[in-house]
């Protein structure tokens, strides 16, 4: 049984999905190559992200964070993905490729997985479709019996 610890977050034989195409947007693993677009997306949307379900009480995003510090975070997320201890996906506009949000899938002490997501303020209309698409994807493609993901 998966106890949510990093060593058992996903089974060794599980092929981690590396993309989700969902019509208006697509998900791909977040990495250092997304730094400038990711930074601009969340910096332009701090209050919107903090008001998004699941983000209450969090100190991120921090407006004093630099582009270089963001790069460090993206490297950490990419390393987590490579080690299979957490999975962060950038959300991109399917037509333009613009970074419009993120999805985080990490272990939880109380659930097999804890999921959070955000979209930039200018694309707030995609918050519910993103939540619905990710929820369906997690049910159909991932090995979790259930997840903690704030309702929209």
C-alpha atoms as a PDB file:
ATOM      1  CA  UNK A   1       0.000   0.000   0.000  1.00  0.00           C
ATOM      2  CA  UNK A   2       1.255   3.470  -0.884  1.00  0.00           C
ATOM      3  CA  UNK A   3       1.815   5.417   2.318  1.00  0.00           C
ATOM      4  CA  UNK A   4       2.557   8.701   0.527  1.00  0.00           C
ATOM      5  CA  UNK A   5       6.255   8.665   1.314  1.00  0.00           C
ATOM      6  CA  UNK A   6       8.568   9.809  -1.503  1.00  0.00           C
ATOM      7  CA  UNK A   7       9.991   6.282  -1.854  1.00  0.00           C
ATOM      8  CA  UNK A   8       6.557   4.844  -2.687  1.00  0.00           C
ATOM      9  CA  UNK A   9       4.755   7.772  -4.290  1.00  0.00           C
ATOM     10  CA  UNK A  10       4.221   5.901  -7.568  1.00  0.00           C
ATOM     11  CA  UNK A  11       5.011   2.255  -8.269  1.00  0.00           C
ATOM     12  CA  UNK A  12       8.351   1.528  -9.932  1.00  0.00           C
ATOM     13  CA  UNK A  13       6.614   0.020 -12.951  1.00  0.00           C
ATOM     14  CA  UNK A  14       4.235   2.987 -13.449  1.00  0.00           C
ATOM     15  CA  UNK A  15       4.849   4.927 -16.668  1.00  0.00           C
ATOM     16  CA  UNK A  16       4.428   8.531 -15.594  1.00  0.00           C
ATOM     17  CA  UNK A  17       2.384  10.486 -18.136  1.00  0.00           C
ATOM     18  CA  UNK A  18       4.431  13.299 -19.658  1.00  0.00           C
ATOM     19  CA  UNK A  19       1.621  15.205 -21.348  1.00  0.00           C
ATOM     20  CA  UNK A  20      -2.058  15.948 -21.226  1.00  0.00           C
ATOM     21  CA  UNK A  21      -3.768  17.526 -24.222  1.00  0.00           C
ATOM     22  CA  UNK A  22      -7.057  19.073 -23.136  1.00  0.00           C
ATOM     23  CA  UNK A  23      -8.321  21.191 -25.995  1.00  0.00           C
ATOM     24  CA  UNK A  24      -7.513  24.790 -25.049  1.00  0.00           C
ATOM     25  CA  UNK A  25      -4.408  23.848 -23.063  1.00  0.00           C
ATOM     26  CA  UNK A  26      -1.796  21.164 -22.653  1.00  0.00           C
ATOM     27  CA  UNK A  27       0.372  20.021 -19.768  1.00  0.00           C
ATOM     28  CA  UNK A  28       4.038  19.125 -19.981  1.00  0.00           C
ATOM     29  CA  UNK A  29       6.671  18.588 -17.284  1.00  0.00           C
ATOM     30  CA  UNK A  30       7.855  21.895 -15.806  1.00  0.00           C
ATOM     31  CA  UNK A  31      11.567  22.519 -16.179  1.00  0.00           C
ATOM     32  CA  UNK A  32      14.237  25.227 -16.297  1.00  0.00           C
ATOM     33  CA  UNK A  33      13.440  25.929 -19.947  1.00  0.00           C
ATOM     34  CA  UNK A  34      10.111  27.436 -18.796  1.00  0.00           C
ATOM     35  CA  UNK A  35      11.679  29.927 -16.382  1.00  0.00           C
ATOM     36  CA  UNK A  36      10.871  33.255 -18.028  1.00  0.00           C
ATOM     37  CA  UNK A  37       7.327  32.323 -19.068  1.00  0.00           C
ATOM     38  CA  UNK A  38       6.549  30.681 -15.716  1.00  0.00           C
ATOM     39  CA  UNK A  39       7.917  33.649 -13.784  1.00  0.00           C
ATOM     40  CA  UNK A  40       5.907  36.132 -15.836  1.00  0.00           C
ATOM     41  CA  UNK A  41       2.745  34.039 -15.498  1.00  0.00           C
ATOM     42  CA  UNK A  42       2.704  33.845 -11.714  1.00  0.00           C
ATOM     43  CA  UNK A  43       4.189  37.307 -11.099  1.00  0.00           C
ATOM     44  CA  UNK A  44       1.307  38.799 -13.103  1.00  0.00           C
ATOM     45  CA  UNK A  45      -1.230  36.833 -11.066  1.00  0.00           C
ATOM     46  CA  UNK A  46      -0.160  36.692  -7.400  1.00  0.00           C
ATOM     47  CA  UNK A  47      -3.459  37.784  -5.855  1.00  0.00           C
ATOM     48  CA  UNK A  48      -5.444  35.607  -8.253  1.00  0.00           C
ATOM     49  CA  UNK A  49      -3.357  32.530  -7.369  1.00  0.00           C
ATOM     50  CA  UNK A  50      -3.644  33.190  -3.637  1.00  0.00           C
ATOM     51  CA  UNK A  51      -7.430  33.385  -4.006  1.00  0.00           C
ATOM     52  CA  UNK A  52      -7.604  30.108  -5.954  1.00  0.00           C
ATOM     53  CA  UNK A  53      -9.043  27.111  -4.091  1.00  0.00           C
ATOM     54  CA  UNK A  54      -6.260  25.135  -2.430  1.00  0.00           C
ATOM     55  CA  UNK A  55      -3.824  28.047  -2.096  1.00  0.00           C
ATOM     56  CA  UNK A  56      -5.198  29.715   1.043  1.00  0.00           C
ATOM     57  CA  UNK A  57      -2.611  30.098   3.771  1.00  0.00           C
ATOM     58  CA  UNK A  58       0.374  29.543   1.471  1.00  0.00           C
ATOM     59  CA  UNK A  59       3.222  32.060   1.299  1.00  0.00           C
ATOM     60  CA  UNK A  60       3.873  31.320  -2.375  1.00  0.00           C
ATOM     61  CA  UNK A  61       3.826  33.126  -4.662  1.00  0.00           C
ATOM     62  CA  UNK A  62       6.232  35.549  -3.061  1.00  0.00           C
ATOM     63  CA  UNK A  63       6.447  38.884  -4.918  1.00  0.00           C
ATOM     64  CA  UNK A  64      10.070  39.398  -3.858  1.00  0.00           C
ATOM     65  CA  UNK A  65      11.234  36.196  -5.572  1.00  0.00           C
ATOM     66  CA  UNK A  66      13.770  36.790  -8.337  1.00  0.00           C
ATOM     67  CA  UNK A  67      13.961  35.161 -11.746  1.00  0.00           C
ATOM     68  CA  UNK A  68      17.094  33.312 -10.584  1.00  0.00           C
ATOM     69  CA  UNK A  69      15.284  31.995  -7.485  1.00  0.00           C
ATOM     70  CA  UNK A  70      12.419  30.854  -9.707  1.00  0.00           C
ATOM     71  CA  UNK A  71      14.949  28.984 -11.848  1.00  0.00           C
ATOM     72  CA  UNK A  72      16.107  27.178  -8.705  1.00  0.00           C
ATOM     73  CA  UNK A  73      12.511  26.163  -7.972  1.00  0.00           C
ATOM     74  CA  UNK A  74      12.030  24.895 -11.526  1.00  0.00           C
ATOM     75  CA  UNK A  75      15.236  22.848 -11.264  1.00  0.00           C
ATOM     76  CA  UNK A  76      13.965  21.352  -7.995  1.00  0.00           C
ATOM     77  CA  UNK A  77      10.616  20.461  -9.579  1.00  0.00           C
ATOM     78  CA  UNK A  78      12.391  18.858 -12.561  1.00  0.00           C
ATOM     79  CA  UNK A  79      14.595  16.870 -10.174  1.00  0.00           C
ATOM     80  CA  UNK A  80      11.529  15.732  -8.199  1.00  0.00           C
ATOM     81  CA  UNK A  81       9.955  14.591 -11.478  1.00  0.00           C
ATOM     82  CA  UNK A  82      13.103  12.697 -12.523  1.00  0.00           C
ATOM     83  CA  UNK A  83      13.271  10.993  -9.100  1.00  0.00           C
ATOM     84  CA  UNK A  84       9.498  10.283  -9.221  1.00  0.00           C
ATOM     85  CA  UNK A  85       8.858  11.904  -5.833  1.00  0.00           C
ATOM     86  CA  UNK A  86       6.622  14.711  -7.148  1.00  0.00           C
ATOM     87  CA  UNK A  87       5.291  15.845 -10.496  1.00  0.00           C
ATOM     88  CA  UNK A  88       4.894  19.449 -11.601  1.00  0.00           C
ATOM     89  CA  UNK A  89       3.441  20.315 -14.970  1.00  0.00           C
ATOM     90  CA  UNK A  90       3.380  23.629 -16.758  1.00  0.00           C
ATOM     91  CA  UNK A  91       0.067  24.512 -18.390  1.00  0.00           C
ATOM     92  CA  UNK A  92       0.430  25.984 -21.869  1.00  0.00           C
ATOM     93  CA  UNK A  93      -2.050  27.512 -24.252  1.00  0.00           C
ATOM     94  CA  UNK A  94      -2.584  24.857 -26.938  1.00  0.00           C
ATOM     95  CA  UNK A  95      -2.396  27.364 -29.785  1.00  0.00           C
ATOM     96  CA  UNK A  96       0.212  29.928 -28.695  1.00  0.00           C
ATOM     97  CA  UNK A  97       2.341  27.898 -26.271  1.00  0.00           C
ATOM     98  CA  UNK A  98       2.084  30.696 -23.693  1.00  0.00           C
ATOM     99  CA  UNK A  99       2.523  29.475 -20.124  1.00  0.00           C
ATOM    100  CA  UNK A 100      -0.782  29.971 -18.385  1.00  0.00           C
ATOM    101  CA  UNK A 101      -0.461  27.972 -15.171  1.00  0.00           C
ATOM    102  CA  UNK A 102       0.886  24.981 -13.251  1.00  0.00           C
ATOM    103  CA  UNK A 103      -0.269  21.691 -11.757  1.00  0.00           C
ATOM    104  CA  UNK A 104       1.529  20.122  -8.766  1.00  0.00           C
ATOM    105  CA  UNK A 105       1.102  16.437  -7.841  1.00  0.00           C
ATOM    106  CA  UNK A 106       2.903  15.537  -4.616  1.00  0.00           C
ATOM    107  CA  UNK A 107       2.618  13.031  -1.770  1.00  0.00           C
ATOM    108  CA  UNK A 108       0.347  13.810   1.139  1.00  0.00           C
ATOM    109  CA  UNK A 109       0.313  12.479   4.689  1.00  0.00           C
ATOM    110  CA  UNK A 110      -3.448  11.972   4.596  1.00  0.00           C
ATOM    111  CA  UNK A 111      -4.115  11.042   0.940  1.00  0.00           C
ATOM    112  CA  UNK A 112      -2.179   9.135  -1.727  1.00  0.00           C
ATOM    113  CA  UNK A 113      -1.612  12.462  -3.508  1.00  0.00           C
ATOM    114  CA  UNK A 114      -2.199  16.169  -2.995  1.00  0.00           C
ATOM    115  CA  UNK A 115      -2.839  18.251  -6.103  1.00  0.00           C
ATOM    116  CA  UNK A 116      -2.881  22.013  -6.541  1.00  0.00           C
ATOM    117  CA  UNK A 117      -3.198  24.072  -9.674  1.00  0.00           C
ATOM    118  CA  UNK A 118      -3.371  27.673 -10.757  1.00  0.00           C
ATOM    119  CA  UNK A 119      -3.897  29.661 -13.908  1.00  0.00           C
ATOM    120  CA  UNK A 120      -2.836  33.221 -14.588  1.00  0.00           C
ATOM    121  CA  UNK A 121      -5.418  35.920 -13.860  1.00  0.00           C
ATOM    122  CA  UNK A 122      -5.869  36.736 -17.541  1.00  0.00           C
ATOM    123  CA  UNK A 123      -6.919  33.100 -18.142  1.00  0.00           C
ATOM    124  CA  UNK A 124      -9.095  32.653 -15.042  1.00  0.00           C
ATOM    125  CA  UNK A 125     -11.806  31.164 -17.266  1.00  0.00           C
ATOM    126  CA  UNK A 126      -9.614  28.040 -17.554  1.00  0.00           C
ATOM    127  CA  UNK A 127      -9.460  27.299 -13.823  1.00  0.00           C
ATOM    128  CA  UNK A 128     -12.512  25.011 -13.790  1.00  0.00           C
ATOM    129  CA  UNK A 129     -11.698  23.294 -17.124  1.00  0.00           C
ATOM    130  CA  UNK A 130      -8.137  22.680 -15.879  1.00  0.00           C
ATOM    131  CA  UNK A 131      -9.407  21.248 -12.597  1.00  0.00           C
ATOM    132  CA  UNK A 132     -11.891  19.004 -14.423  1.00  0.00           C
ATOM    133  CA  UNK A 133      -9.351  17.781 -17.002  1.00  0.00           C
ATOM    134  CA  UNK A 134      -6.683  17.081 -14.364  1.00  0.00           C
ATOM    135  CA  UNK A 135      -9.197  15.317 -12.092  1.00  0.00           C
ATOM    136  CA  UNK A 136     -10.269  13.058 -14.974  1.00  0.00           C
ATOM    137  CA  UNK A 137      -6.616  12.451 -15.979  1.00  0.00           C
ATOM    138  CA  UNK A 138      -5.699  11.476 -12.430  1.00  0.00           C
ATOM    139  CA  UNK A 139      -8.619   9.031 -12.229  1.00  0.00           C
ATOM    140  CA  UNK A 140      -7.931   7.463 -15.630  1.00  0.00           C
ATOM    141  CA  UNK A 141      -4.146   7.522 -16.014  1.00  0.00           C
ATOM    142  CA  UNK A 142      -2.532   7.686 -12.563  1.00  0.00           C
ATOM    143  CA  UNK A 143      -2.245   4.966  -9.896  1.00  0.00           C
ATOM    144  CA  UNK A 144      -3.866   6.876  -7.016  1.00  0.00           C
ATOM    145  CA  UNK A 145      -7.012   5.534  -5.372  1.00  0.00           C
ATOM    146  CA  UNK A 146      -8.023   9.123  -4.581  1.00  0.00           C
ATOM    147  CA  UNK A 147      -6.414  12.549  -4.313  1.00  0.00           C
ATOM    148  CA  UNK A 148      -6.811  15.732  -2.360  1.00  0.00           C
ATOM    149  CA  UNK A 149      -7.589  18.487  -4.897  1.00  0.00           C
ATOM    150  CA  UNK A 150      -9.659  21.500  -3.825  1.00  0.00           C
ATOM    151  CA  UNK A 151     -13.027  21.669  -5.591  1.00  0.00           C
ATOM    152  CA  UNK A 152     -13.775  24.487  -7.963  1.00  0.00           C
END
